[in-house]
Structure formats: structure tokens, C-alpha cells
Amino acid sequence: MSVNYGSKRVVSGAHYGLRDWLAQRVTAALMALFTIAVLVQVIFTSGPLGYEGWAGIFAAQWMKVLTFVVIVALLYHVWVGMRDIWMDYIKPVGVRLVLHVFTLVWLVGCAGWAFSVLWRL
């Protein structure tokens, strides 16, 4: 005999939970590893670390590509976090849409700026 304690719960929402949780952890781990790698290079650089030293660290093509990959990971990390904040705390759909579009445009602009800075060195 089955007991019915109420109506079946209807699950709604975007269903991003596990994917976003995993994306936040993977991008955070990637950024942490990159930070450690840069710190190791800075620690083992002899002499004062001025513009030339920093430019030297990021001069190699592999380092530029790795840095840009980490920047893209950072931007995705930010997007997931900001999207969740907008979805959780901004109830008017129009305002939320404007904030989503603004956030995306801002992050794409940041990616373009980072690309131009990296390949200008």
C-alpha cells in the first residue's frame, strides 16, 4: 500500500547545478596552478623584477597561450558566478536580461583586451 503525502514536486530552473559546480572547481584549480607556476618563475628570477623581467616571463609563445587559456577560464568562472547571482537575486526578467547582456559584453571586452596585451609584448 502506497501513501500519498501530496502532489509530486515539479522541478524547475535552469538545471546547471552539477556542470556549474564542476566548472567552478576546474577553472579555480587551473588558475591556482597557473598562479603557482608564475610565482615559481618570479621566485627563481635573479635580480630585480622590473618590466623587462615580467615581459621575459610572458615572452615565450607557450606562456602567452597558457596565460590566455587561464584568462578564458577566469572569464568563464566569472560568468558562471555572475549569472548565478543575477538569477538568484534579480527577479524582474528584463533587468536580469540587461545584466546578463552587460556581463557578457564586459567579459568579451576583457578577453579582447587581454589578447591585445599578451600579443603586444
PDB file of N, CA and C in Angstrom:
ATOM      1  N   MET A   1       0.820  -1.174   0.000  1.00  0.00           N
ATOM      2  CA  MET A   1       0.000   0.000   0.000  1.00  0.00           C
ATOM      3  C   MET A   1       0.869   1.243   0.000  1.00  0.00           C
ATOM      4  N   SER A   2       0.605   2.140  -0.924  1.00  0.00           N
ATOM      5  CA  SER A   2       1.380   3.362  -1.094  1.00  0.00           C
ATOM      6  C   SER A   2       0.650   4.520  -0.430  1.00  0.00           C
ATOM      7  N   VAL A   3       1.419   5.357   0.265  1.00  0.00           N
ATOM      8  CA  VAL A   3       0.842   6.526   0.925  1.00  0.00           C
ATOM      9  C   VAL A   3       1.215   7.762   0.130  1.00  0.00           C
ATOM     10  N   ASN A   4       0.236   8.551  -0.228  1.00  0.00           N
ATOM     11  CA  ASN A   4       0.472   9.779  -0.987  1.00  0.00           C
ATOM     12  C   ASN A   4       0.426  10.954  -0.022  1.00  0.00           C
ATOM     13  N   TYR A   5       1.568  11.633   0.149  1.00  0.00           N
ATOM     14  CA  TYR A   5       1.657  12.756   1.078  1.00  0.00           C
ATOM     15  C   TYR A   5       1.494  14.103   0.399  1.00  0.00           C
ATOM     16  N   GLY A   6       1.113  14.158  -0.819  1.00  0.00           N
ATOM     17  CA  GLY A   6       0.925  15.425  -1.512  1.00  0.00           C
ATOM     18  C   GLY A   6       1.212  15.265  -2.985  1.00  0.00           C
ATOM     19  N   SER A   7       1.115  16.357  -3.684  1.00  0.00           N
ATOM     20  CA  SER A   7       1.358  16.300  -5.123  1.00  0.00           C
ATOM     21  C   SER A   7       2.846  16.150  -5.407  1.00  0.00           C
ATOM     22  N   LYS A   8       3.129  15.605  -6.560  1.00  0.00           N
ATOM     23  CA  LYS A   8       4.523  15.437  -6.970  1.00  0.00           C
ATOM     24  C   LYS A   8       5.148  16.804  -7.207  1.00  0.00           C
ATOM     25  N   ARG A   9       6.337  16.985  -6.700  1.00  0.00           N
ATOM     26  CA  ARG A   9       7.035  18.259  -6.819  1.00  0.00           C
ATOM     27  C   ARG A   9       7.502  18.449  -8.256  1.00  0.00           C
ATOM     28  N   VAL A  10       7.221  19.613  -8.813  1.00  0.00           N
ATOM     29  CA  VAL A  10       7.664  19.938 -10.158  1.00  0.00           C
ATOM     30  C   VAL A  10       8.981  20.695 -10.030  1.00  0.00           C
ATOM     31  N   VAL A  11      10.035  20.139 -10.606  1.00  0.00           N
ATOM     32  CA  VAL A  11      11.352  20.758 -10.541  1.00  0.00           C
ATOM     33  C   VAL A  11      11.468  21.744 -11.685  1.00  0.00           C
ATOM     34  N   SER A  12      11.835  22.946 -11.358  1.00  0.00           N
ATOM     35  CA  SER A  12      12.017  23.957 -12.401  1.00  0.00           C
ATOM     36  C   SER A  12      13.386  24.588 -12.250  1.00  0.00           C
ATOM     37  N   GLY A  13      13.752  25.405 -13.182  1.00  0.00           N
ATOM     38  CA  GLY A  13      15.035  26.079 -13.129  1.00  0.00           C
ATOM     39  C   GLY A  13      15.878  25.722 -14.337  1.00  0.00           C
ATOM     40  N   ALA A  14      17.090  26.197 -14.322  1.00  0.00           N
ATOM     41  CA  ALA A  14      17.969  26.047 -15.474  1.00  0.00           C
ATOM     42  C   ALA A  14      18.706  24.707 -15.486  1.00  0.00           C
ATOM     43  N   HIS A  15      18.752  24.004 -14.352  1.00  0.00           N
ATOM     44  CA  HIS A  15      19.420  22.701 -14.247  1.00  0.00           C
ATOM     45  C   HIS A  15      20.911  22.776 -14.591  1.00  0.00           C
ATOM     46  N   TYR A  16      21.586  23.829 -14.148  1.00  0.00           N
ATOM     47  CA  TYR A  16      23.012  23.981 -14.404  1.00  0.00           C
ATOM     48  C   TYR A  16      23.865  23.435 -13.256  1.00  0.00           C
ATOM     49  N   GLY A  17      23.259  23.000 -12.183  1.00  0.00           N
ATOM     50  CA  GLY A  17      23.935  22.698 -10.928  1.00  0.00           C
ATOM     51  C   GLY A  17      25.263  21.988 -11.001  1.00  0.00           C
ATOM     52  N   LEU A  18      25.265  20.731 -11.398  1.00  0.00           N
ATOM     53  CA  LEU A  18      26.497  19.942 -11.373  1.00  0.00           C
ATOM     54  C   LEU A  18      27.519  20.488 -12.360  1.00  0.00           C
ATOM     55  N   ARG A  19      27.081  20.856 -13.553  1.00  0.00           N
ATOM     56  CA  ARG A  19      28.005  21.379 -14.564  1.00  0.00           C
ATOM     57  C   ARG A  19      28.674  22.663 -14.068  1.00  0.00           C
ATOM     58  N   ASP A  20      27.906  23.561 -13.487  1.00  0.00           N
ATOM     59  CA  ASP A  20      28.474  24.813 -12.992  1.00  0.00           C
ATOM     60  C   ASP A  20      29.389  24.581 -11.793  1.00  0.00           C
ATOM     61  N   TRP A  21      28.983  23.695 -10.909  1.00  0.00           N
ATOM     62  CA  TRP A  21      29.813  23.379  -9.745  1.00  0.00           C
ATOM     63  C   TRP A  21      31.168  22.845 -10.208  1.00  0.00           C
ATOM     64  N   LEU A  22      31.126  21.923 -11.171  1.00  0.00           N
ATOM     65  CA  LEU A  22      32.359  21.338 -11.694  1.00  0.00           C
ATOM     66  C   LEU A  22      33.186  22.381 -12.440  1.00  0.00           C
ATOM     67  N   ALA A  23      32.530  23.229 -13.232  1.00  0.00           N
ATOM     68  CA  ALA A  23      33.249  24.275 -13.968  1.00  0.00           C
ATOM     69  C   ALA A  23      33.949  25.230 -13.008  1.00  0.00           C
ATOM     70  N   GLN A  24      33.286  25.598 -11.921  1.00  0.00           N
ATOM     71  CA  GLN A  24      33.903  26.500 -10.939  1.00  0.00           C
ATOM     72  C   GLN A  24      35.146  25.853 -10.334  1.00  0.00           C
ATOM     73  N   ARG A  25      35.072  24.573 -10.016  1.00  0.00           N
ATOM     74  CA  ARG A  25      36.211  23.885  -9.390  1.00  0.00           C
ATOM     75  C   ARG A  25      37.363  23.708 -10.366  1.00  0.00           C
ATOM     76  N   VAL A  26      37.055  23.317 -11.607  1.00  0.00           N
ATOM     77  CA  VAL A  26      38.111  23.091 -12.603  1.00  0.00           C
ATOM     78  C   VAL A  26      38.797  24.403 -12.958  1.00  0.00           C
ATOM     79  N   THR A  27      38.023  25.459 -13.200  1.00  0.00           N
ATOM     80  CA  THR A  27      38.647  26.740 -13.549  1.00  0.00           C
ATOM     81  C   THR A  27      39.440  27.294 -12.373  1.00  0.00           C
ATOM     82  N   ALA A  28      38.948  27.115 -11.150  1.00  0.00           N
ATOM     83  CA  ALA A  28      39.689  27.584  -9.975  1.00  0.00           C
ATOM     84  C   ALA A  28      41.004  26.823  -9.824  1.00  0.00           C
ATOM     85  N   ALA A  29      40.976  25.519 -10.050  1.00  0.00           N
ATOM     86  CA  ALA A  29      42.203  24.715  -9.959  1.00  0.00           C
ATOM     87  C   ALA A  29      43.203  25.138 -11.025  1.00  0.00           C
ATOM     88  N   LEU A  30      42.727  25.388 -12.240  1.00  0.00           N
ATOM     89  CA  LEU A  30      43.603  25.835 -13.320  1.00  0.00           C
ATOM     90  C   LEU A  30      44.248  27.176 -12.976  1.00  0.00           C
ATOM     91  N   MET A  31      43.460  28.101 -12.447  1.00  0.00           N
ATOM     92  CA  MET A  31      44.000  29.408 -12.067  1.00  0.00           C
ATOM     93  C   MET A  31      45.008  29.283 -10.924  1.00  0.00           C
ATOM     94  N   ALA A  32      44.736  28.392  -9.978  1.00  0.00           N
ATOM     95  CA  ALA A  32      45.660  28.189  -8.864  1.00  0.00           C
ATOM     96  C   ALA A  32      46.990  27.613  -9.355  1.00  0.00           C
ATOM     97  N   LEU A  33      46.929  26.620 -10.233  1.00  0.00           N
ATOM     98  CA  LEU A  33      48.163  26.030 -10.776  1.00  0.00           C
ATOM     99  C   LEU A  33      48.963  27.063 -11.576  1.00  0.00           C
ATOM    100  N   PHE A  34      48.271  27.875 -12.356  1.00  0.00           N
ATOM    101  CA  PHE A  34      48.946  28.920 -13.124  1.00  0.00           C
ATOM    102  C   PHE A  34      49.617  29.924 -12.186  1.00  0.00           C
ATOM    103  N   THR A  35      48.926  30.298 -11.129  1.00  0.00           N
ATOM    104  CA  THR A  35      49.495  31.239 -10.161  1.00  0.00           C
ATOM    105  C   THR A  35      50.758  30.671  -9.533  1.00  0.00           C
ATOM    106  N   ILE A  36      50.732  29.403  -9.181  1.00  0.00           N
ATOM    107  CA  ILE A  36      51.920  28.758  -8.609  1.00  0.00           C
ATOM    108  C   ILE A  36      53.055  28.750  -9.623  1.00  0.00           C
ATOM    109  N   ALA A  37      52.762  28.444 -10.880  1.00  0.00           N
ATOM    110  CA  ALA A  37      53.795  28.413 -11.921  1.00  0.00           C
ATOM    111  C   ALA A  37      54.421  29.794 -12.107  1.00  0.00           C
ATOM    112  N   VAL A  38      53.605  30.844 -12.107  1.00  0.00           N
ATOM    113  CA  VAL A  38      54.147  32.197 -12.258  1.00  0.00           C
ATOM    114  C   VAL A  38      54.967  32.574 -11.029  1.00  0.00           C
ATOM    115  N   LEU A  39      54.480  32.235  -9.837  1.00  0.00           N
ATOM    116  CA  LEU A  39      55.236  32.534  -8.616  1.00  0.00           C
ATOM    117  C   LEU A  39      56.591  31.840  -8.609  1.00  0.00           C
ATOM    118  N   VAL A  40      56.638  30.593  -9.068  1.00  0.00           N
ATOM    119  CA  VAL A  40      57.914  29.873  -9.145  1.00  0.00           C
ATOM    120  C   VAL A  40      58.859  30.600 -10.087  1.00  0.00           C
ATOM    121  N   GLN A  41      58.357  31.054 -11.229  1.00  0.00           N
ATOM    122  CA  GLN A  41      59.210  31.793 -12.167  1.00  0.00           C
ATOM    123  C   GLN A  41      59.695  33.097 -11.545  1.00  0.00           C
ATOM    124  N   VAL A  42      58.834  33.786 -10.817  1.00  0.00           N
ATOM    125  CA  VAL A  42      59.219  35.050 -10.189  1.00  0.00           C
ATOM    126  C   VAL A  42      60.257  34.810  -9.097  1.00  0.00           C
ATOM    127  N   ILE A  43      60.056  33.782  -8.299  1.00  0.00           N
ATOM    128  CA  ILE A  43      60.986  33.488  -7.204  1.00  0.00           C
ATOM    129  C   ILE A  43      62.368  33.141  -7.739  1.00  0.00           C
ATOM    130  N   PHE A  44      62.428  32.408  -8.837  1.00  0.00           N
ATOM    131  CA  PHE A  44      63.719  31.976  -9.367  1.00  0.00           C
ATOM    132  C   PHE A  44      64.301  32.930 -10.404  1.00  0.00           C
ATOM    133  N   THR A  45      63.710  34.118 -10.547  1.00  0.00           N
ATOM    134  CA  THR A  45      64.286  35.130 -11.420  1.00  0.00           C
ATOM    135  C   THR A  45      65.344  35.882 -10.629  1.00  0.00           C
ATOM    136  N   SER A  46      66.529  35.955 -11.202  1.00  0.00           N
ATOM    137  CA  SER A  46      67.608  36.643 -10.488  1.00  0.00           C
ATOM    138  C   SER A  46      67.547  38.141 -10.770  1.00  0.00           C
ATOM    139  N   GLY A  47      67.933  38.903  -9.788  1.00  0.00           N
ATOM    140  CA  GLY A  47      67.967  40.356  -9.933  1.00  0.00           C
ATOM    141  C   GLY A  47      66.600  40.982  -9.710  1.00  0.00           C
ATOM    142  N   PRO A  48      66.570  42.293  -9.860  1.00  0.00           N
ATOM    143  CA  PRO A  48      65.292  42.991  -9.656  1.00  0.00           C
ATOM    144  C   PRO A  48      64.291  42.631 -10.757  1.00  0.00           C
ATOM    145  N   LEU A  49      63.036  42.614 -10.387  1.00  0.00           N
ATOM    146  CA  LEU A  49      61.998  42.220 -11.331  1.00  0.00           C
ATOM    147  C   LEU A  49      61.243  43.458 -11.791  1.00  0.00           C
ATOM    148  N   GLY A  50      61.714  44.025 -12.887  1.00  0.00           N
ATOM    149  CA  GLY A  50      61.055  45.183 -13.477  1.00  0.00           C
ATOM    150  C   GLY A  50      60.243  44.766 -14.682  1.00  0.00           C
ATOM    151  N   TYR A  51      59.978  45.729 -15.540  1.00  0.00           N
ATOM    152  CA  TYR A  51      59.188  45.453 -16.737  1.00  0.00           C
ATOM    153  C   TYR A  51      59.839  44.384 -17.603  1.00  0.00           C
ATOM    154  N   GLU A  52      61.151  44.469 -17.759  1.00  0.00           N
ATOM    155  CA  GLU A  52      61.853  43.506 -18.605  1.00  0.00           C
ATOM    156  C   GLU A  52      61.723  42.087 -18.068  1.00  0.00           C
ATOM    157  N   GLY A  53      61.781  41.943 -16.741  1.00  0.00           N
ATOM    158  CA  GLY A  53      61.638  40.620 -16.137  1.00  0.00           C
ATOM    159  C   GLY A  53      60.252  40.032 -16.362  1.00  0.00           C
ATOM    160  N   TRP A  54      59.229  40.868 -16.151  1.00  0.00           N
ATOM    161  CA  TRP A  54      57.855  40.401 -16.375  1.00  0.00           C
ATOM    162  C   TRP A  54      57.625  40.100 -17.853  1.00  0.00           C
ATOM    163  N   ALA A  55      58.128  40.969 -18.717  1.00  0.00           N
ATOM    164  CA  ALA A  55      57.976  40.731 -20.153  1.00  0.00           C
ATOM    165  C   ALA A  55      58.702  39.450 -20.558  1.00  0.00           C
ATOM    166  N   GLY A  56      59.839  39.183 -19.920  1.00  0.00           N
ATOM    167  CA  GLY A  56      60.578  37.956 -20.207  1.00  0.00           C
ATOM    168  C   GLY A  56      59.806  36.711 -19.814  1.00  0.00           C
ATOM    169  N   ILE A  57      59.111  36.768 -18.680  1.00  0.00           N
ATOM    170  CA  ILE A  57      58.320  35.624 -18.234  1.00  0.00           C
ATOM    171  C   ILE A  57      57.218  35.302 -19.247  1.00  0.00           C
ATOM    172  N   PHE A  58      56.611  36.349 -19.797  1.00  0.00           N
ATOM    173  CA  PHE A  58      55.481  36.151 -20.702  1.00  0.00           C
ATOM    174  C   PHE A  58      55.868  36.249 -22.181  1.00  0.00           C
ATOM    175  N   ALA A  59      57.169  36.247 -22.484  1.00  0.00           N
ATOM    176  CA  ALA A  59      57.619  36.406 -23.869  1.00  0.00           C
ATOM    177  C   ALA A  59      57.441  35.131 -24.708  1.00  0.00           C
ATOM    178  N   ALA A  60      57.610  33.987 -24.087  1.00  0.00           N
ATOM    179  CA  ALA A  60      57.506  32.728 -24.837  1.00  0.00           C
ATOM    180  C   ALA A  60      56.074  32.516 -25.329  1.00  0.00           C
ATOM    181  N   GLN A  61      55.951  31.999 -26.538  1.00  0.00           N
ATOM    182  CA  GLN A  61      54.627  31.790 -27.134  1.00  0.00           C
ATOM    183  C   GLN A  61      53.775  30.843 -26.297  1.00  0.00           C
ATOM    184  N   TRP A  62      54.381  29.781 -25.749  1.00  0.00           N
ATOM    185  CA  TRP A  62      53.618  28.832 -24.937  1.00  0.00           C
ATOM    186  C   TRP A  62      53.056  29.498 -23.691  1.00  0.00           C
ATOM    187  N   MET A  63      53.820  30.466 -23.127  1.00  0.00           N
ATOM    188  CA  MET A  63      53.353  31.159 -21.933  1.00  0.00           C
ATOM    189  C   MET A  63      52.209  32.114 -22.274  1.00  0.00           C
ATOM    190  N   LYS A  64      52.278  32.740 -23.441  1.00  0.00           N
ATOM    191  CA  LYS A  64      51.178  33.604 -23.873  1.00  0.00           C
ATOM    192  C   LYS A  64      49.904  32.790 -24.065  1.00  0.00           C
ATOM    193  N   VAL A  65      50.028  31.637 -24.709  1.00  0.00           N
ATOM    194  CA  VAL A  65      48.862  30.782 -24.949  1.00  0.00           C
ATOM    195  C   VAL A  65      48.306  30.270 -23.620  1.00  0.00           C
ATOM    196  N   LEU A  66      49.193  29.802 -22.742  1.00  0.00           N
ATOM    197  CA  LEU A  66      48.755  29.321 -21.432  1.00  0.00           C
ATOM    198  C   LEU A  66      48.077  30.441 -20.638  1.00  0.00           C
ATOM    199  N   THR A  67      48.642  31.630 -20.673  1.00  0.00           N
ATOM    200  CA  THR A  67      48.045  32.770 -19.973  1.00  0.00           C
ATOM    201  C   THR A  67      46.670  33.085 -20.537  1.00  0.00           C
ATOM    202  N   PHE A  68      46.538  33.053 -21.856  1.00  0.00           N
ATOM    203  CA  PHE A  68      45.238  33.348 -22.446  1.00  0.00           C
ATOM    204  C   PHE A  68      44.218  32.262 -22.101  1.00  0.00           C
ATOM    205  N   VAL A  69      44.649  31.009 -22.065  1.00  0.00           N
ATOM    206  CA  VAL A  69      43.745  29.919 -21.662  1.00  0.00           C
ATOM    207  C   VAL A  69      43.270  30.148 -20.230  1.00  0.00           C
ATOM    208  N   VAL A  70      44.171  30.564 -19.361  1.00  0.00           N
ATOM    209  CA  VAL A  70      43.796  30.838 -17.971  1.00  0.00           C
ATOM    210  C   VAL A  70      42.875  32.053 -17.896  1.00  0.00           C
ATOM    211  N   ILE A  71      43.102  33.053 -18.721  1.00  0.00           N
ATOM    212  CA  ILE A  71      42.211  34.213 -18.747  1.00  0.00           C
ATOM    213  C   ILE A  71      40.815  33.806 -19.203  1.00  0.00           C
ATOM    214  N   VAL A  72      40.732  32.955 -20.222  1.00  0.00           N
ATOM    215  CA  VAL A  72      39.425  32.463 -20.670  1.00  0.00           C
ATOM    216  C   VAL A  72      38.759  31.654 -19.550  1.00  0.00           C
ATOM    217  N   ALA A  73      39.538  30.839 -18.831  1.00  0.00           N
ATOM    218  CA  ALA A  73      38.996  30.092 -17.695  1.00  0.00           C
ATOM    219  C   ALA A  73      38.490  31.056 -16.615  1.00  0.00           C
ATOM    220  N   LEU A  74      39.243  32.112 -16.359  1.00  0.00           N
ATOM    221  CA  LEU A  74      38.823  33.121 -15.387  1.00  0.00           C
ATOM    222  C   LEU A  74      37.516  33.784 -15.812  1.00  0.00           C
ATOM    223  N   LEU A  75      37.428  34.127 -17.096  1.00  0.00           N
ATOM    224  CA  LEU A  75      36.215  34.773 -17.593  1.00  0.00           C
ATOM    225  C   LEU A  75      35.011  33.830 -17.505  1.00  0.00           C
ATOM    226  N   TYR A  76      35.205  32.550 -17.794  1.00  0.00           N
ATOM    227  CA  TYR A  76      34.108  31.590 -17.653  1.00  0.00           C
ATOM    228  C   TYR A  76      33.712  31.438 -16.184  1.00  0.00           C
ATOM    229  N   HIS A  77      34.720  31.405 -15.314  1.00  0.00           N
ATOM    230  CA  HIS A  77      34.498  31.327 -13.875  1.00  0.00           C
ATOM    231  C   HIS A  77      33.649  32.515 -13.407  1.00  0.00           C
ATOM    232  N   VAL A  78      34.000  33.699 -13.881  1.00  0.00           N
ATOM    233  CA  VAL A  78      33.248  34.906 -13.538  1.00  0.00           C
ATOM    234  C   VAL A  78      31.830  34.824 -14.102  1.00  0.00           C
ATOM    235  N   TRP A  79      31.699  34.379 -15.350  1.00  0.00           N
ATOM    236  CA  TRP A  79      30.374  34.306 -15.967  1.00  0.00           C
ATOM    237  C   TRP A  79      29.440  33.392 -15.168  1.00  0.00           C
ATOM    238  N   VAL A  80      29.931  32.213 -14.783  1.00  0.00           N
ATOM    239  CA  VAL A  80      29.094  31.281 -14.027  1.00  0.00           C
ATOM    240  C   VAL A  80      28.668  31.916 -12.707  1.00  0.00           C
ATOM    241  N   GLY A  81      29.602  32.546 -12.020  1.00  0.00           N
ATOM    242  CA  GLY A  81      29.277  33.171 -10.741  1.00  0.00           C
ATOM    243  C   GLY A  81      28.309  34.325 -10.885  1.00  0.00           C
ATOM    244  N   MET A  82      28.563  35.209 -11.847  1.00  0.00           N
ATOM    245  CA  MET A  82      27.681  36.371 -12.021  1.00  0.00           C
ATOM    246  C   MET A  82      26.301  35.945 -12.519  1.00  0.00           C
ATOM    247  N   ARG A  83      26.253  34.984 -13.424  1.00  0.00           N
ATOM    248  CA  ARG A  83      24.958  34.509 -13.908  1.00  0.00           C
ATOM    249  C   ARG A  83      24.134  33.947 -12.761  1.00  0.00           C
ATOM    250  N   ASP A  84      24.787  33.182 -11.886  1.00  0.00           N
ATOM    251  CA  ASP A  84      24.069  32.635 -10.737  1.00  0.00           C
ATOM    252  C   ASP A  84      23.580  33.736  -9.797  1.00  0.00           C
ATOM    253  N   ILE A  85      24.396  34.756  -9.596  1.00  0.00           N
ATOM    254  CA  ILE A  85      23.980  35.882  -8.748  1.00  0.00           C
ATOM    255  C   ILE A  85      22.780  36.583  -9.363  1.00  0.00           C
ATOM    256  N   TRP A  86      22.863  36.879 -10.672  1.00  0.00           N
ATOM    257  CA  TRP A  86      21.727  37.556 -11.328  1.00  0.00           C
ATOM    258  C   TRP A  86      20.469  36.687 -11.253  1.00  0.00           C
ATOM    259  N   MET A  87      20.611  35.384 -11.482  1.00  0.00           N
ATOM    260  CA  MET A  87      19.439  34.505 -11.473  1.00  0.00           C
ATOM    261  C   MET A  87      18.846  34.369 -10.064  1.00  0.00           C
ATOM    262  N   ASP A  88      19.686  34.381  -9.045  1.00  0.00           N
ATOM    263  CA  ASP A  88      19.206  34.189  -7.681  1.00  0.00           C
ATOM    264  C   ASP A  88      18.604  35.453  -7.067  1.00  0.00           C
ATOM    265  N   TYR A  89      19.166  36.614  -7.383  1.00  0.00           N
ATOM    266  CA  TYR A  89      18.792  37.815  -6.646  1.00  0.00           C
ATOM    267  C   TYR A  89      18.054  38.877  -7.453  1.00  0.00           C
ATOM    268  N   ILE A  90      18.062  38.787  -8.760  1.00  0.00           N
ATOM    269  CA  ILE A  90      17.359  39.775  -9.590  1.00  0.00           C
ATOM    270  C   ILE A  90      16.108  39.113 -10.145  1.00  0.00           C
ATOM    271  N   LYS A  91      14.973  39.503  -9.627  1.00  0.00           N
ATOM    272  CA  LYS A  91      13.714  38.845 -10.002  1.00  0.00           C
ATOM    273  C   LYS A  91      13.083  39.397 -11.284  1.00  0.00           C
ATOM    274  N   PRO A  92      13.102  40.720 -11.552  1.00  0.00           N
ATOM    275  CA  PRO A  92      12.500  41.191 -12.815  1.00  0.00           C
ATOM    276  C   PRO A  92      13.284  40.661 -14.022  1.00  0.00           C
ATOM    277  N   VAL A  93      12.605  39.981 -14.909  1.00  0.00           N
ATOM    278  CA  VAL A  93      13.256  39.301 -16.029  1.00  0.00           C
ATOM    279  C   VAL A  93      13.980  40.293 -16.936  1.00  0.00           C
ATOM    280  N   GLY A  94      13.396  41.456 -17.190  1.00  0.00           N
ATOM    281  CA  GLY A  94      14.030  42.448 -18.056  1.00  0.00           C
ATOM    282  C   GLY A  94      15.344  42.958 -17.488  1.00  0.00           C
ATOM    283  N   VAL A  95      15.348  43.258 -16.200  1.00  0.00           N
ATOM    284  CA  VAL A  95      16.579  43.735 -15.541  1.00  0.00           C
ATOM    285  C   VAL A  95      17.636  42.640 -15.571  1.00  0.00           C
ATOM    286  N   ARG A  96      17.214  41.398 -15.302  1.00  0.00           N
ATOM    287  CA  ARG A  96      18.149  40.275 -15.314  1.00  0.00           C
ATOM    288  C   ARG A  96      18.763  40.093 -16.703  1.00  0.00           C
ATOM    289  N   LEU A  97      17.936  40.211 -17.746  1.00  0.00           N
ATOM    290  CA  LEU A  97      18.434  40.083 -19.114  1.00  0.00           C
ATOM    291  C   LEU A  97      19.452  41.172 -19.434  1.00  0.00           C
ATOM    292  N   VAL A  98      19.155  42.402 -19.041  1.00  0.00           N
ATOM    293  CA  VAL A  98      20.096  43.507 -19.273  1.00  0.00           C
ATOM    294  C   VAL A  98      21.416  43.241 -18.552  1.00  0.00           C
ATOM    295  N   LEU A  99      21.352  42.765 -17.319  1.00  0.00           N
ATOM    296  CA  LEU A  99      22.576  42.466 -16.563  1.00  0.00           C
ATOM    297  C   LEU A  99      23.347  41.301 -17.189  1.00  0.00           C
ATOM    298  N   HIS A 100      22.644  40.293 -17.685  1.00  0.00           N
ATOM    299  CA  HIS A 100      23.320  39.186 -18.373  1.00  0.00           C
ATOM    300  C   HIS A 100      24.049  39.687 -19.614  1.00  0.00           C
ATOM    301  N   VAL A 101      23.365  40.491 -20.415  1.00  0.00           N
ATOM    302  CA  VAL A 101      23.977  41.004 -21.649  1.00  0.00           C
ATOM    303  C   VAL A 101      25.160  41.904 -21.307  1.00  0.00           C
ATOM    304  N   PHE A 102      24.996  42.793 -20.331  1.00  0.00           N
ATOM    305  CA  PHE A 102      26.100  43.666 -19.929  1.00  0.00           C
ATOM    306  C   PHE A 102      27.298  42.844 -19.463  1.00  0.00           C
ATOM    307  N   THR A 103      27.037  41.820 -18.653  1.00  0.00           N
ATOM    308  CA  THR A 103      28.128  40.979 -18.149  1.00  0.00           C
ATOM    309  C   THR A 103      28.848  40.280 -19.291  1.00  0.00           C
ATOM    310  N   LEU A 104      28.097  39.717 -20.234  1.00  0.00           N
ATOM    311  CA  LEU A 104      28.722  39.039 -21.380  1.00  0.00           C
ATOM    312  C   LEU A 104      29.548  40.004 -22.226  1.00  0.00           C
ATOM    313  N   VAL A 105      28.996  41.175 -22.508  1.00  0.00           N
ATOM    314  CA  VAL A 105      29.725  42.163 -23.315  1.00  0.00           C
ATOM    315  C   VAL A 105      31.000  42.587 -22.585  1.00  0.00           C
ATOM    316  N   TRP A 106      30.885  42.822 -21.289  1.00  0.00           N
ATOM    317  CA  TRP A 106      32.060  43.224 -20.495  1.00  0.00           C
ATOM    318  C   TRP A 106      33.128  42.131 -20.535  1.00  0.00           C
ATOM    319  N   LEU A 107      32.734  40.878 -20.348  1.00  0.00           N
ATOM    320  CA  LEU A 107      33.703  39.780 -20.318  1.00  0.00           C
ATOM    321  C   LEU A 107      34.345  39.558 -21.688  1.00  0.00           C
ATOM    322  N   VAL A 108      33.585  39.675 -22.752  1.00  0.00           N
ATOM    323  CA  VAL A 108      34.167  39.551 -24.099  1.00  0.00           C
ATOM    324  C   VAL A 108      35.147  40.700 -24.334  1.00  0.00           C
ATOM    325  N   GLY A 109      34.800  41.898 -23.889  1.00  0.00           N
ATOM    326  CA  GLY A 109      35.718  43.030 -23.996  1.00  0.00           C
ATOM    327  C   GLY A 109      37.002  42.788 -23.213  1.00  0.00           C
ATOM    328  N   CYS A 110      36.878  42.218 -22.024  1.00  0.00           N
ATOM    329  CA  CYS A 110      38.062  41.894 -21.225  1.00  0.00           C
ATOM    330  C   CYS A 110      38.933  40.857 -21.929  1.00  0.00           C
ATOM    331  N   ALA A 111      38.306  39.879 -22.576  1.00  0.00           N
ATOM    332  CA  ALA A 111      39.066  38.864 -23.312  1.00  0.00           C
ATOM    333  C   ALA A 111      39.826  39.501 -24.466  1.00  0.00           C
ATOM    334  N   GLY A 112      39.168  40.396 -25.191  1.00  0.00           N
ATOM    335  CA  GLY A 112      39.851  41.095 -26.286  1.00  0.00           C
ATOM    336  C   GLY A 112      41.004  41.943 -25.795  1.00  0.00           C
ATOM    337  N   TRP A 113      40.785  42.650 -24.694  1.00  0.00           N
ATOM    338  CA  TRP A 113      41.850  43.486 -24.119  1.00  0.00           C
ATOM    339  C   TRP A 113      43.021  42.618 -23.679  1.00  0.00           C
ATOM    340  N   ALA A 114      42.740  41.483 -23.025  1.00  0.00           N
ATOM    341  CA  ALA A 114      43.810  40.579 -22.564  1.00  0.00           C
ATOM    342  C   ALA A 114      44.588  40.040 -23.746  1.00  0.00           C
ATOM    343  N   PHE A 115      43.876  39.677 -24.821  1.00  0.00           N
ATOM    344  CA  PHE A 115      44.546  39.170 -26.026  1.00  0.00           C
ATOM    345  C   PHE A 115      45.490  40.231 -26.587  1.00  0.00           C
ATOM    346  N   SER A 116      45.011  41.465 -26.689  1.00  0.00           N
ATOM    347  CA  SER A 116      45.852  42.527 -27.245  1.00  0.00           C
ATOM    348  C   SER A 116      47.060  42.810 -26.365  1.00  0.00           C
ATOM    349  N   VAL A 117      46.886  42.757 -25.049  1.00  0.00           N
ATOM    350  CA  VAL A 117      48.010  42.990 -24.138  1.00  0.00           C
ATOM    351  C   VAL A 117      49.038  41.867 -24.275  1.00  0.00           C
ATOM    352  N   LEU A 118      48.587  40.620 -24.289  1.00  0.00           N
ATOM    353  CA  LEU A 118      49.522  39.494 -24.349  1.00  0.00           C
ATOM    354  C   LEU A 118      50.343  39.479 -25.627  1.00  0.00           C
ATOM    355  N   TRP A 119      49.705  39.750 -26.758  1.00  0.00           N
ATOM    356  CA  TRP A 119      50.434  39.656 -28.005  1.00  0.00           C
ATOM    357  C   TRP A 119      51.090  40.971 -28.409  1.00  0.00           C
ATOM    358  N   ARG A 120      51.004  41.975 -27.545  1.00  0.00           N
ATOM    359  CA  ARG A 120      51.729  43.229 -27.766  1.00  0.00           C
ATOM    360  C   ARG A 120      53.124  43.150 -27.149  1.00  0.00           C
ATOM    361  N   LEU A 121      53.318  42.234 -26.191  1.00  0.00           N
ATOM    362  CA  LEU A 121      54.618  42.124 -25.520  1.00  0.00           C
ATOM    363  C   LEU A 121      55.721  41.752 -26.478  1.00  0.00           C
TER     364      LEU A 121
END
